[in-house]
Amino acid sequence: MVIQRWQTLMLLISAVMMALFSFCSLGQIQGADITVNFTALSMTVEGTGKTYMPTWYILVVSLLSTLLPLIGIFRYKALKEQRKICMLSIVLTLAAMASAWIASSYAGVEGARGMAWSSIVIAPFVAIIALIVAIRCIGSDMRKLSGYDRLR
């Protein structure tokens, strides 16, 4: 008997949030002469489209943290494995957040006062909360299943 309820929804929310983080603009850096648009793939100069700094490593990590919850959804019969996938996804989400922060701080745009983050940067925080809730739901289902096995 397998109970698969809320963790599927939480894993889907996590995957959607990290997909948004992967493909939407994370912010802009306003310099003295140029404006740089920051995405998970690269930092591009507004207007010309030239790549200011490649950030493909952020894209790779964020896509992995998008893909793992989707894999976890289909591993519903192996609850321990599903929980391990959730924990690995939390680590990768934290790595994506840290690498985006490090890339923005080392961009080196002349005359820049700082980064103007977009609202999509809260997506990894929402994804981590959804993954933690999914882990708790998986643990609850594991306890219920062990209780049913004791009754047999």
N, C-alpha and C. Protein backbone atom coordinates (compact mmCIF):
# COMPACT_ATOMS: atom_id res chain seq x y z
N MET A 1 0.84 -1.18 0.00
CA MET A 1 0.00 0.00 0.00
C MET A 1 0.88 1.24 0.00
N VAL A 2 0.60 2.18 -0.87
CA VAL A 2 1.39 3.40 -0.98
C VAL A 2 0.45 4.59 -0.82
N ILE A 3 0.83 5.50 0.05
CA ILE A 3 0.06 6.72 0.25
C ILE A 3 0.81 7.84 -0.43
N GLN A 4 0.24 8.44 -1.42
CA GLN A 4 0.90 9.51 -2.17
C GLN A 4 -0.08 10.65 -2.29
N ARG A 5 0.11 11.67 -1.47
CA ARG A 5 -0.84 12.77 -1.47
C ARG A 5 -0.14 14.10 -1.59
N TRP A 6 0.13 14.69 -0.46
CA TRP A 6 0.61 16.07 -0.43
C TRP A 6 2.03 16.22 -0.92
N GLN A 7 2.86 15.20 -0.76
CA GLN A 7 4.24 15.35 -1.20
C GLN A 7 4.33 15.53 -2.72
N THR A 8 3.39 14.96 -3.45
CA THR A 8 3.38 15.16 -4.91
C THR A 8 3.15 16.63 -5.24
N LEU A 9 2.20 17.23 -4.57
CA LEU A 9 1.92 18.64 -4.80
C LEU A 9 3.10 19.51 -4.39
N MET A 10 3.72 19.22 -3.26
CA MET A 10 4.86 20.00 -2.79
C MET A 10 6.06 19.86 -3.72
N LEU A 11 6.29 18.66 -4.20
CA LEU A 11 7.39 18.45 -5.14
C LEU A 11 7.14 19.17 -6.47
N LEU A 12 5.89 19.20 -6.90
CA LEU A 12 5.55 19.92 -8.12
C LEU A 12 5.73 21.43 -7.94
N ILE A 13 5.34 21.95 -6.79
CA ILE A 13 5.53 23.38 -6.50
C ILE A 13 7.02 23.71 -6.51
N SER A 14 7.82 22.85 -5.91
CA SER A 14 9.26 23.07 -5.89
C SER A 14 9.84 23.08 -7.30
N ALA A 15 9.42 22.14 -8.12
CA ALA A 15 9.94 22.08 -9.50
C ALA A 15 9.54 23.32 -10.30
N VAL A 16 8.31 23.79 -10.13
CA VAL A 16 7.84 24.97 -10.86
C VAL A 16 8.61 26.22 -10.42
N MET A 17 8.83 26.34 -9.11
CA MET A 17 9.56 27.51 -8.60
C MET A 17 11.00 27.54 -9.12
N MET A 18 11.64 26.39 -9.16
CA MET A 18 13.01 26.37 -9.65
C MET A 18 13.08 26.53 -11.16
N ALA A 19 12.04 26.11 -11.87
CA ALA A 19 11.98 26.37 -13.32
C ALA A 19 11.84 27.87 -13.58
N LEU A 20 11.04 28.54 -12.77
CA LEU A 20 10.93 30.00 -12.90
C LEU A 20 12.26 30.67 -12.62
N PHE A 21 12.96 30.20 -11.59
CA PHE A 21 14.28 30.74 -11.26
C PHE A 21 15.26 30.51 -12.40
N SER A 22 15.13 29.39 -13.10
CA SER A 22 16.06 29.05 -14.18
C SER A 22 15.85 29.90 -15.42
N PHE A 23 14.59 30.24 -15.72
CA PHE A 23 14.31 30.84 -17.02
C PHE A 23 13.88 32.31 -16.98
N CYS A 24 13.65 32.87 -15.82
CA CYS A 24 13.26 34.28 -15.73
C CYS A 24 14.47 35.15 -15.37
N SER A 25 14.30 36.44 -15.58
CA SER A 25 15.36 37.39 -15.23
C SER A 25 15.46 37.51 -13.72
N LEU A 26 16.68 37.44 -13.21
CA LEU A 26 16.91 37.51 -11.77
C LEU A 26 17.11 38.94 -11.29
N GLY A 27 17.44 39.84 -12.19
CA GLY A 27 17.63 41.23 -11.80
C GLY A 27 18.46 41.99 -12.81
N GLN A 28 18.77 43.22 -12.45
CA GLN A 28 19.58 44.08 -13.32
C GLN A 28 20.62 44.81 -12.50
N ILE A 29 21.73 45.07 -13.16
CA ILE A 29 22.78 45.88 -12.57
C ILE A 29 22.89 47.14 -13.42
N GLN A 30 22.65 48.28 -12.81
CA GLN A 30 22.72 49.56 -13.51
C GLN A 30 24.11 50.14 -13.28
N GLY A 31 24.89 50.21 -14.35
CA GLY A 31 26.23 50.77 -14.27
C GLY A 31 26.24 52.20 -14.76
N ALA A 32 27.43 52.78 -14.87
CA ALA A 32 27.58 54.16 -15.33
C ALA A 32 27.17 54.28 -16.80
N ASP A 33 27.61 53.35 -17.62
CA ASP A 33 27.33 53.42 -19.06
C ASP A 33 26.40 52.33 -19.57
N ILE A 34 26.32 51.23 -18.85
CA ILE A 34 25.54 50.08 -19.34
C ILE A 34 24.60 49.57 -18.27
N THR A 35 23.61 48.82 -18.72
CA THR A 35 22.70 48.08 -17.85
C THR A 35 22.85 46.61 -18.19
N VAL A 36 23.10 45.81 -17.18
CA VAL A 36 23.33 44.38 -17.38
C VAL A 36 22.14 43.62 -16.83
N ASN A 37 21.53 42.76 -17.68
CA ASN A 37 20.42 41.91 -17.27
C ASN A 37 20.99 40.57 -16.81
N PHE A 38 20.57 40.13 -15.64
CA PHE A 38 21.11 38.93 -15.02
C PHE A 38 20.08 37.81 -15.10
N THR A 39 20.42 36.73 -15.81
CA THR A 39 19.60 35.52 -15.85
C THR A 39 20.46 34.35 -15.41
N ALA A 40 19.86 33.18 -15.29
CA ALA A 40 20.62 32.01 -14.88
C ALA A 40 21.59 31.55 -15.96
N LEU A 41 21.35 31.92 -17.20
CA LEU A 41 22.23 31.52 -18.29
C LEU A 41 23.41 32.46 -18.46
N SER A 42 23.17 33.76 -18.38
CA SER A 42 24.26 34.72 -18.57
C SER A 42 23.85 36.10 -18.11
N MET A 43 24.84 36.96 -18.04
CA MET A 43 24.59 38.38 -17.83
C MET A 43 24.79 39.04 -19.19
N THR A 44 23.74 39.69 -19.68
CA THR A 44 23.80 40.31 -21.00
C THR A 44 23.62 41.81 -20.87
N VAL A 45 24.27 42.53 -21.79
CA VAL A 45 24.16 43.98 -21.83
C VAL A 45 22.84 44.33 -22.51
N GLU A 46 22.03 45.16 -21.82
CA GLU A 46 20.75 45.59 -22.39
C GLU A 46 20.98 46.41 -23.65
N GLY A 47 20.17 46.17 -24.64
CA GLY A 47 20.25 46.92 -25.89
C GLY A 47 21.07 46.22 -26.95
N THR A 48 22.27 45.77 -26.60
CA THR A 48 23.13 45.12 -27.58
C THR A 48 22.97 43.61 -27.57
N GLY A 49 22.66 43.03 -26.43
CA GLY A 49 22.50 41.58 -26.33
C GLY A 49 23.82 40.85 -26.18
N LYS A 50 24.93 41.58 -26.04
CA LYS A 50 26.23 40.94 -25.86
C LYS A 50 26.29 40.30 -24.48
N THR A 51 26.99 39.19 -24.41
CA THR A 51 27.17 38.51 -23.14
C THR A 51 28.23 39.24 -22.34
N TYR A 52 27.84 39.71 -21.16
CA TYR A 52 28.77 40.39 -20.28
C TYR A 52 29.57 39.38 -19.47
N MET A 53 28.87 38.38 -18.95
CA MET A 53 29.52 37.33 -18.17
C MET A 53 28.66 36.07 -18.25
N PRO A 54 29.24 34.93 -18.67
CA PRO A 54 28.43 33.70 -18.70
C PRO A 54 28.20 33.16 -17.29
N THR A 55 27.01 32.72 -17.04
CA THR A 55 26.66 32.12 -15.74
C THR A 55 25.94 30.80 -15.97
N TRP A 56 26.45 29.99 -16.88
CA TRP A 56 25.81 28.73 -17.23
C TRP A 56 25.79 27.76 -16.06
N TYR A 57 26.75 27.88 -15.14
CA TYR A 57 26.80 26.99 -13.98
C TYR A 57 25.58 27.18 -13.09
N ILE A 58 25.04 28.40 -13.02
CA ILE A 58 23.82 28.63 -12.26
C ILE A 58 22.66 27.91 -12.94
N LEU A 59 22.62 27.97 -14.27
CA LEU A 59 21.57 27.29 -15.02
C LEU A 59 21.62 25.78 -14.81
N VAL A 60 22.81 25.21 -14.84
CA VAL A 60 22.94 23.76 -14.68
C VAL A 60 22.45 23.32 -13.30
N VAL A 61 22.88 24.04 -12.26
CA VAL A 61 22.49 23.66 -10.90
C VAL A 61 20.99 23.88 -10.69
N SER A 62 20.46 24.97 -11.23
CA SER A 62 19.03 25.22 -11.04
C SER A 62 18.17 24.26 -11.85
N LEU A 63 18.65 23.85 -13.02
CA LEU A 63 17.90 22.84 -13.78
C LEU A 63 17.93 21.48 -13.10
N LEU A 64 19.06 21.13 -12.47
CA LEU A 64 19.11 19.89 -11.70
C LEU A 64 18.16 19.94 -10.51
N SER A 65 18.09 21.12 -9.87
CA SER A 65 17.16 21.23 -8.74
C SER A 65 15.71 21.36 -9.21
N THR A 66 15.49 21.56 -10.50
CA THR A 66 14.16 21.48 -11.08
C THR A 66 13.81 20.04 -11.42
N LEU A 67 14.78 19.32 -11.93
CA LEU A 67 14.56 17.96 -12.40
C LEU A 67 14.40 16.95 -11.26
N LEU A 68 15.15 17.14 -10.18
CA LEU A 68 15.10 16.17 -9.08
C LEU A 68 13.72 16.04 -8.43
N PRO A 69 13.00 17.13 -8.14
CA PRO A 69 11.65 16.93 -7.58
C PRO A 69 10.71 16.22 -8.55
N LEU A 70 10.90 16.45 -9.85
CA LEU A 70 10.07 15.74 -10.82
C LEU A 70 10.37 14.25 -10.81
N ILE A 71 11.64 13.91 -10.66
CA ILE A 71 12.00 12.50 -10.53
C ILE A 71 11.43 11.93 -9.24
N GLY A 72 11.47 12.74 -8.17
CA GLY A 72 10.94 12.31 -6.88
C GLY A 72 9.45 12.02 -6.92
N ILE A 73 8.72 12.74 -7.75
CA ILE A 73 7.28 12.49 -7.88
C ILE A 73 7.03 11.07 -8.38
N PHE A 74 7.84 10.62 -9.34
CA PHE A 74 7.63 9.31 -9.93
C PHE A 74 8.28 8.18 -9.13
N ARG A 75 8.99 8.51 -8.07
CA ARG A 75 9.56 7.49 -7.20
C ARG A 75 8.70 7.30 -5.96
N TYR A 76 7.39 7.35 -6.12
CA TYR A 76 6.46 7.33 -4.99
C TYR A 76 6.41 5.98 -4.27
N LYS A 77 6.83 4.92 -4.91
CA LYS A 77 6.78 3.62 -4.26
C LYS A 77 7.99 3.39 -3.34
N ALA A 78 9.06 4.13 -3.56
CA ALA A 78 10.26 4.02 -2.72
C ALA A 78 10.36 5.29 -1.88
N LEU A 79 9.73 5.28 -0.72
CA LEU A 79 9.63 6.49 0.08
C LEU A 79 10.98 6.95 0.62
N LYS A 80 11.85 6.02 1.00
CA LYS A 80 13.17 6.41 1.49
C LYS A 80 13.99 7.08 0.39
N GLU A 81 13.89 6.53 -0.80
CA GLU A 81 14.60 7.12 -1.94
C GLU A 81 14.01 8.49 -2.29
N GLN A 82 12.71 8.62 -2.20
CA GLN A 82 12.05 9.89 -2.47
C GLN A 82 12.50 10.95 -1.46
N ARG A 83 12.66 10.56 -0.22
CA ARG A 83 13.13 11.50 0.80
C ARG A 83 14.57 11.91 0.54
N LYS A 84 15.42 10.98 0.11
CA LYS A 84 16.81 11.31 -0.23
C LYS A 84 16.87 12.27 -1.41
N ILE A 85 16.00 12.07 -2.39
CA ILE A 85 15.95 12.96 -3.54
C ILE A 85 15.56 14.36 -3.10
N CYS A 86 14.63 14.46 -2.17
CA CYS A 86 14.22 15.77 -1.65
C CYS A 86 15.37 16.47 -0.94
N MET A 87 16.13 15.73 -0.14
CA MET A 87 17.25 16.32 0.57
C MET A 87 18.33 16.79 -0.39
N LEU A 88 18.61 16.00 -1.42
CA LEU A 88 19.58 16.40 -2.43
C LEU A 88 19.11 17.63 -3.19
N SER A 89 17.83 17.70 -3.43
CA SER A 89 17.26 18.86 -4.12
C SER A 89 17.38 20.12 -3.27
N ILE A 90 17.24 20.00 -1.96
CA ILE A 90 17.43 21.15 -1.08
C ILE A 90 18.87 21.65 -1.17
N VAL A 91 19.82 20.73 -1.17
CA VAL A 91 21.23 21.11 -1.27
C VAL A 91 21.50 21.81 -2.60
N LEU A 92 20.96 21.28 -3.69
CA LEU A 92 21.17 21.91 -5.00
C LEU A 92 20.48 23.27 -5.11
N THR A 93 19.33 23.42 -4.48
CA THR A 93 18.65 24.71 -4.48
C THR A 93 19.47 25.74 -3.71
N LEU A 94 20.02 25.34 -2.58
CA LEU A 94 20.89 26.25 -1.83
C LEU A 94 22.13 26.60 -2.64
N ALA A 95 22.67 25.63 -3.38
CA ALA A 95 23.84 25.90 -4.23
C ALA A 95 23.50 26.87 -5.35
N ALA A 96 22.30 26.75 -5.93
CA ALA A 96 21.88 27.68 -6.99
C ALA A 96 21.74 29.09 -6.44
N MET A 97 21.16 29.21 -5.24
CA MET A 97 21.02 30.53 -4.62
C MET A 97 22.38 31.14 -4.32
N ALA A 98 23.28 30.35 -3.77
CA ALA A 98 24.61 30.86 -3.43
C ALA A 98 25.40 31.25 -4.66
N SER A 99 25.32 30.45 -5.70
CA SER A 99 26.07 30.77 -6.92
C SER A 99 25.50 32.00 -7.62
N ALA A 100 24.20 32.21 -7.54
CA ALA A 100 23.63 33.44 -8.12
C ALA A 100 24.08 34.66 -7.33
N TRP A 101 24.12 34.54 -6.01
CA TRP A 101 24.57 35.66 -5.19
C TRP A 101 26.05 35.97 -5.43
N ILE A 102 26.87 34.93 -5.53
CA ILE A 102 28.30 35.13 -5.78
C ILE A 102 28.53 35.73 -7.15
N ALA A 103 27.81 35.26 -8.16
CA ALA A 103 27.97 35.80 -9.51
C ALA A 103 27.57 37.26 -9.57
N SER A 104 26.52 37.63 -8.85
CA SER A 104 26.09 39.04 -8.88
C SER A 104 27.08 39.93 -8.14
N SER A 105 27.70 39.41 -7.10
CA SER A 105 28.64 40.24 -6.35
C SER A 105 29.98 40.38 -7.05
N TYR A 106 30.33 39.45 -7.92
CA TYR A 106 31.59 39.53 -8.66
C TYR A 106 31.42 39.97 -10.10
N ALA A 107 30.29 40.58 -10.43
CA ALA A 107 30.06 40.99 -11.81
C ALA A 107 31.00 42.11 -12.23
N GLY A 108 31.26 43.06 -11.38
CA GLY A 108 32.24 44.11 -11.67
C GLY A 108 31.79 45.11 -12.71
N VAL A 109 30.55 45.54 -12.68
CA VAL A 109 30.07 46.56 -13.60
C VAL A 109 30.53 47.92 -13.07
N GLU A 110 31.18 48.70 -13.93
CA GLU A 110 31.72 49.99 -13.50
C GLU A 110 30.60 50.97 -13.17
N GLY A 111 30.72 51.61 -12.03
CA GLY A 111 29.75 52.61 -11.61
C GLY A 111 28.47 52.03 -11.03
N ALA A 112 28.43 50.73 -10.79
CA ALA A 112 27.22 50.09 -10.27
C ALA A 112 27.11 50.32 -8.77
N ARG A 113 25.91 50.64 -8.33
CA ARG A 113 25.67 50.83 -6.90
C ARG A 113 25.22 49.54 -6.24
N GLY A 114 24.78 48.61 -7.01
CA GLY A 114 24.30 47.34 -6.46
C GLY A 114 23.39 46.64 -7.44
N MET A 115 22.89 45.54 -7.01
CA MET A 115 22.02 44.72 -7.85
C MET A 115 20.57 45.04 -7.53
N ALA A 116 19.77 45.23 -8.57
CA ALA A 116 18.32 45.40 -8.40
C ALA A 116 17.69 44.04 -8.69
N TRP A 117 17.43 43.29 -7.64
CA TRP A 117 16.89 41.94 -7.78
C TRP A 117 15.43 41.99 -8.19
N SER A 118 15.02 41.03 -8.99
CA SER A 118 13.60 40.92 -9.33
C SER A 118 12.91 40.08 -8.26
N SER A 119 11.62 40.03 -8.32
CA SER A 119 10.88 39.29 -7.29
C SER A 119 10.98 37.78 -7.46
N ILE A 120 11.54 37.31 -8.56
CA ILE A 120 11.64 35.87 -8.80
C ILE A 120 12.71 35.22 -7.92
N VAL A 121 13.55 36.03 -7.27
CA VAL A 121 14.59 35.45 -6.43
C VAL A 121 14.03 34.82 -5.16
N ILE A 122 12.76 35.03 -4.86
CA ILE A 122 12.16 34.34 -3.71
C ILE A 122 11.73 32.91 -4.07
N ALA A 123 11.78 32.57 -5.35
CA ALA A 123 11.36 31.23 -5.79
C ALA A 123 12.17 30.11 -5.14
N PRO A 124 13.50 30.21 -4.99
CA PRO A 124 14.21 29.13 -4.30
C PRO A 124 13.81 28.98 -2.83
N PHE A 125 13.47 30.08 -2.17
CA PHE A 125 13.02 29.99 -0.79
C PHE A 125 11.69 29.24 -0.71
N VAL A 126 10.79 29.53 -1.64
CA VAL A 126 9.51 28.82 -1.70
C VAL A 126 9.75 27.34 -2.01
N ALA A 127 10.70 27.07 -2.91
CA ALA A 127 11.01 25.68 -3.27
C ALA A 127 11.57 24.92 -2.07
N ILE A 128 12.43 25.56 -1.28
CA ILE A 128 12.99 24.89 -0.11
C ILE A 128 11.90 24.59 0.92
N ILE A 129 11.01 25.55 1.14
CA ILE A 129 9.91 25.32 2.08
C ILE A 129 9.03 24.18 1.59
N ALA A 130 8.74 24.14 0.28
CA ALA A 130 7.92 23.05 -0.27
C ALA A 130 8.63 21.71 -0.12
N LEU A 131 9.94 21.68 -0.29
CA LEU A 131 10.68 20.43 -0.14
C LEU A 131 10.70 19.96 1.31
N ILE A 132 10.81 20.90 2.24
CA ILE A 132 10.78 20.52 3.66
C ILE A 132 9.41 19.96 4.02
N VAL A 133 8.36 20.57 3.53
CA VAL A 133 7.01 20.06 3.78
C VAL A 133 6.84 18.68 3.14
N ALA A 134 7.41 18.48 1.94
CA ALA A 134 7.33 17.18 1.28
C ALA A 134 8.05 16.11 2.09
N ILE A 135 9.20 16.46 2.66
CA ILE A 135 9.94 15.50 3.49
C ILE A 135 9.11 15.12 4.72
N ARG A 136 8.46 16.09 5.32
CA ARG A 136 7.61 15.80 6.48
C ARG A 136 6.43 14.92 6.09
N CYS A 137 5.84 15.16 4.93
CA CYS A 137 4.71 14.33 4.45
C CYS A 137 5.17 12.92 4.15
N ILE A 138 6.36 12.78 3.59
CA ILE A 138 6.90 11.45 3.31
C ILE A 138 7.12 10.70 4.62
N GLY A 139 7.67 11.39 5.62
CA GLY A 139 7.86 10.76 6.94
C GLY A 139 6.55 10.34 7.56
N SER A 140 5.52 11.16 7.41
CA SER A 140 4.20 10.82 7.93
C SER A 140 3.65 9.57 7.24
N ASP A 141 3.83 9.50 5.93
CA ASP A 141 3.36 8.32 5.20
C ASP A 141 4.15 7.07 5.59
N MET A 142 5.43 7.24 5.85
CA MET A 142 6.24 6.09 6.28
C MET A 142 5.75 5.57 7.63
N ARG A 143 5.41 6.47 8.54
CA ARG A 143 4.88 6.05 9.84
C ARG A 143 3.54 5.36 9.69
N LYS A 144 2.67 5.89 8.82
CA LYS A 144 1.37 5.26 8.60
C LYS A 144 1.52 3.87 8.01
N LEU A 145 2.41 3.72 7.05
CA LEU A 145 2.61 2.42 6.43
C LEU A 145 3.20 1.41 7.40
N SER A 146 4.11 1.85 8.27
CA SER A 146 4.65 0.92 9.26
C SER A 146 3.58 0.53 10.27
N GLY A 147 2.66 1.44 10.57
CA GLY A 147 1.55 1.11 11.46
C GLY A 147 0.61 0.08 10.83
N TYR A 148 0.38 0.21 9.53
CA TYR A 148 -0.47 -0.77 8.84
C TYR A 148 0.21 -2.13 8.79
N ASP A 149 1.52 -2.14 8.63
CA ASP A 149 2.25 -3.42 8.58
C ASP A 149 2.22 -4.11 9.93
N ARG A 150 2.23 -3.35 11.02
CA ARG A 150 2.16 -3.96 12.35
C ARG A 150 0.81 -4.62 12.58
N LEU A 151 -0.26 -4.05 12.01
CA LEU A 151 -1.60 -4.59 12.20
C LEU A 151 -1.80 -5.90 11.44
N ARG A 152 -1.02 -6.11 10.40
CA ARG A 152 -1.17 -7.35 9.61
C ARG A 152 -0.66 -8.47 10.36
